[in-house]
C-alpha atoms as a PDB file:
ATOM      1  CA  MET A   1      17.033 -30.743 -90.275  1.00  0.00           C
ATOM      2  CA  SER A   2      18.666 -34.102 -90.885  1.00  0.00           C
ATOM      3  CA  THR A   3      20.787 -35.889 -88.335  1.00  0.00           C
ATOM      4  CA  LEU A   4      24.195 -37.389 -88.943  1.00  0.00           C
ATOM      5  CA  GLN A   5      24.674 -41.119 -89.066  1.00  0.00           C
ATOM      6  CA  ALA A   6      26.338 -42.683 -86.050  1.00  0.00           C
ATOM      7  CA  SER A   7      29.663 -43.128 -87.868  1.00  0.00           C
ATOM      8  CA  ALA A   8      29.653 -39.484 -88.996  1.00  0.00           C
ATOM      9  CA  GLN A   9      28.792 -38.370 -85.461  1.00  0.00           C
ATOM     10  CA  ASN A  10      31.722 -40.348 -84.079  1.00  0.00           C
ATOM     11  CA  GLN A  11      34.058 -38.939 -86.707  1.00  0.00           C
ATOM     12  CA  LEU A  12      32.875 -35.399 -85.979  1.00  0.00           C
ATOM     13  CA  ARG A  13      33.347 -35.936 -82.238  1.00  0.00           C
ATOM     14  CA  GLN A  14      36.891 -37.211 -82.850  1.00  0.00           C
ATOM     15  CA  PHE A  15      37.754 -34.164 -84.947  1.00  0.00           C
ATOM     16  CA  VAL A  16      36.402 -31.804 -82.305  1.00  0.00           C
ATOM     17  CA  GLU A  17      38.261 -33.593 -79.508  1.00  0.00           C
ATOM     18  CA  GLN A  18      41.521 -33.597 -81.497  1.00  0.00           C
ATOM     19  CA  ILE A  19      41.163 -29.897 -82.243  1.00  0.00           C
ATOM     20  CA  GLU A  20      40.480 -29.187 -78.576  1.00  0.00           C
ATOM     21  CA  ARG A  21      43.628 -31.108 -77.571  1.00  0.00           C
ATOM     22  CA  LEU A  22      45.702 -29.255 -80.148  1.00  0.00           C
ATOM     23  CA  GLU A  23      44.308 -25.914 -78.960  1.00  0.00           C
ATOM     24  CA  GLU A  24      45.308 -26.819 -75.406  1.00  0.00           C
ATOM     25  CA  GLU A  25      48.806 -27.781 -76.593  1.00  0.00           C
ATOM     26  CA  LYS A  26      49.034 -24.498 -78.492  1.00  0.00           C
ATOM     27  CA  LYS A  27      48.052 -22.613 -75.342  1.00  0.00           C
ATOM     28  CA  GLN A  28      50.750 -24.436 -73.364  1.00  0.00           C
ATOM     29  CA  LEU A  29      53.376 -23.775 -76.049  1.00  0.00           C
ATOM     30  CA  ALA A  30      52.484 -20.071 -76.078  1.00  0.00           C
ATOM     31  CA  SER A  31      52.940 -20.033 -72.317  1.00  0.00           C
ATOM     32  CA  ASP A  32      56.316 -21.780 -72.649  1.00  0.00           C
ATOM     33  CA  ILE A  33      57.420 -19.221 -75.241  1.00  0.00           C
ATOM     34  CA  ARG A  34      56.382 -16.339 -72.972  1.00  0.00           C
ATOM     35  CA  ASP A  35      58.356 -17.961 -70.152  1.00  0.00           C
ATOM     36  CA  LYS A  36      61.471 -18.146 -72.378  1.00  0.00           C
ATOM     37  CA  TYR A  37      61.199 -14.467 -73.263  1.00  0.00           C
ATOM     38  CA  THR A  38      60.772 -13.636 -69.579  1.00  0.00           C
ATOM     39  CA  GLU A  39      63.819 -15.738 -68.742  1.00  0.00           C
ATOM     40  CA  ALA A  40      65.859 -14.015 -71.453  1.00  0.00           C
ATOM     41  CA  LYS A  41      64.757 -10.617 -70.154  1.00  0.00           C
ATOM     42  CA  SER A  42      65.739 -11.532 -66.602  1.00  0.00           C
ATOM     43  CA  VAL A  43      69.332 -12.131 -67.689  1.00  0.00           C
ATOM     44  CA  GLY A  44      69.466  -8.832 -69.575  1.00  0.00           C
ATOM     45  CA  PHE A  45      68.413  -9.554 -73.152  1.00  0.00           C
ATOM     46  CA  ASP A  46      66.098  -7.160 -74.987  1.00  0.00           C
ATOM     47  CA  VAL A  47      62.871  -9.067 -75.667  1.00  0.00           C
ATOM     48  CA  LYS A  48      61.788  -6.791 -78.505  1.00  0.00           C
ATOM     49  CA  ALA A  49      65.071  -7.459 -80.306  1.00  0.00           C
ATOM     50  CA  LEU A  50      64.753 -11.207 -79.660  1.00  0.00           C
ATOM     51  CA  ARG A  51      61.276 -11.252 -81.179  1.00  0.00           C
ATOM     52  CA  GLN A  52      62.599  -9.427 -84.243  1.00  0.00           C
ATOM     53  CA  ILE A  53      65.462 -11.935 -84.574  1.00  0.00           C
ATOM     54  CA  VAL A  54      63.013 -14.851 -84.407  1.00  0.00           C
ATOM     55  CA  ARG A  55      60.880 -13.239 -87.145  1.00  0.00           C
ATOM     56  CA  LEU A  56      63.922 -12.585 -89.332  1.00  0.00           C
ATOM     57  CA  ARG A  57      65.270 -16.125 -88.978  1.00  0.00           C
ATOM     58  CA  LYS A  58      62.027 -17.442 -90.464  1.00  0.00           C
ATOM     59  CA  LYS A  59      62.778 -15.595 -93.710  1.00  0.00           C
ATOM     60  CA  SER A  60      65.284 -16.351 -96.424  1.00  0.00           C
ATOM     61  CA  ASN A  61      68.326 -14.140 -96.873  1.00  0.00           C
ATOM     62  CA  GLU A  62      66.803 -12.819-100.102  1.00  0.00           C
ATOM     63  CA  GLU A  63      63.535 -11.892 -98.379  1.00  0.00           C
ATOM     64  CA  ARG A  64      65.417 -10.086 -95.601  1.00  0.00           C
ATOM     65  CA  GLN A  65      67.563  -8.142 -98.080  1.00  0.00           C
ATOM     66  CA  GLU A  66      64.495  -7.153-100.082  1.00  0.00           C
ATOM     67  CA  GLU A  67      62.712  -5.895 -96.951  1.00  0.00           C
ATOM     68  CA  GLU A  68      65.782  -3.990 -95.789  1.00  0.00           C
ATOM     69  CA  SER A  69      66.168  -2.331 -99.204  1.00  0.00           C
ATOM     70  CA  ILE A  70      62.550  -1.219 -99.314  1.00  0.00           C
ATOM     71  CA  LEU A  71      62.763   0.008 -95.733  1.00  0.00           C
ATOM     72  CA  GLU A  72      65.887   2.004 -96.597  1.00  0.00           C
ATOM     73  CA  VAL A  73      64.138   3.624 -99.592  1.00  0.00           C
ATOM     74  CA  TYR A  74      61.118   4.560 -97.472  1.00  0.00           C
ATOM     75  CA  MET A  75      63.252   5.893 -94.621  1.00  0.00           C
ATOM     76  CA  HIS A  76      65.280   8.008 -97.040  1.00  0.00           C
ATOM     77  CA  ALA A  77      62.070   9.347 -98.630  1.00  0.00           C
ATOM     78  CA  LEU A  78      60.887  10.395 -95.163  1.00  0.00           C
ATOM     79  CA  GLY A  79      64.172  12.107 -94.346  1.00  0.00           C
ATOM     80  CA  MET A  80      65.162   9.529 -91.753  1.00  0.00           C
ATOM     81  CA  LEU A  81      68.474   8.673 -93.495  1.00  0.00           C
ATOM     82  CA  ASP A  82      71.225  10.985 -94.709  1.00  0.00           C
ATOM     83  CA  ALA A  83      72.721   8.857 -97.465  1.00  0.00           C
ATOM     84  CA  PRO A  84      70.683   8.017-100.551  1.00  0.00           C
ATOM     85  CA  PRO A  85      69.547   4.382-100.680  1.00  0.00           C
ATOM     86  CA  ASP A  86      71.107   1.734-102.871  1.00  0.00           C
ATOM     87  CA  THR A  87      68.379   1.671-105.481  1.00  0.00           C
ATOM     88  CA  SER A  88      69.855  -1.184-107.515  1.00  0.00           C
ATOM     89  CA  VAL A  89      67.987  -3.810-105.495  1.00  0.00           C
ATOM     90  CA  VAL A  90      64.736  -1.838-105.637  1.00  0.00           C
ATOM     91  CA  ASP A  91      65.173  -1.276-109.395  1.00  0.00           C
ATOM     92  CA  LYS A  92      65.640  -5.017-109.904  1.00  0.00           C
ATOM     93  CA  MET A  93      62.504  -5.743-107.851  1.00  0.00           C
ATOM     94  CA  MET A  94      60.441  -3.275-109.831  1.00  0.00           C
ATOM     95  CA  ALA A  95      61.729  -4.682-113.115  1.00  0.00           C
ATOM     96  CA  ALA A  96      60.762  -8.175-111.997  1.00  0.00           C
ATOM     97  CA  GLU A  97      57.175  -7.071-111.394  1.00  0.00           C
END
């Protein structure tokens, strides 16, 4: 097995140390996020709904509408909705594929 040159060893060590610092920051950020959800819950907000809102805000309006349309079609197919779905959006999606 060959050994790394001193400069490569130093570079490797720097990468590992930077990754370790970032992992620690990520751990702290995750803790801060949990604390915010706990704080929101303590004043009466529904955490599950908040998490869903955060996920939805990451998506474009078009992506959200597409997901909602597909969900509506599936729910109707399973008898979970009374009214038939608006299939125009789904038809457009299928035509685009």
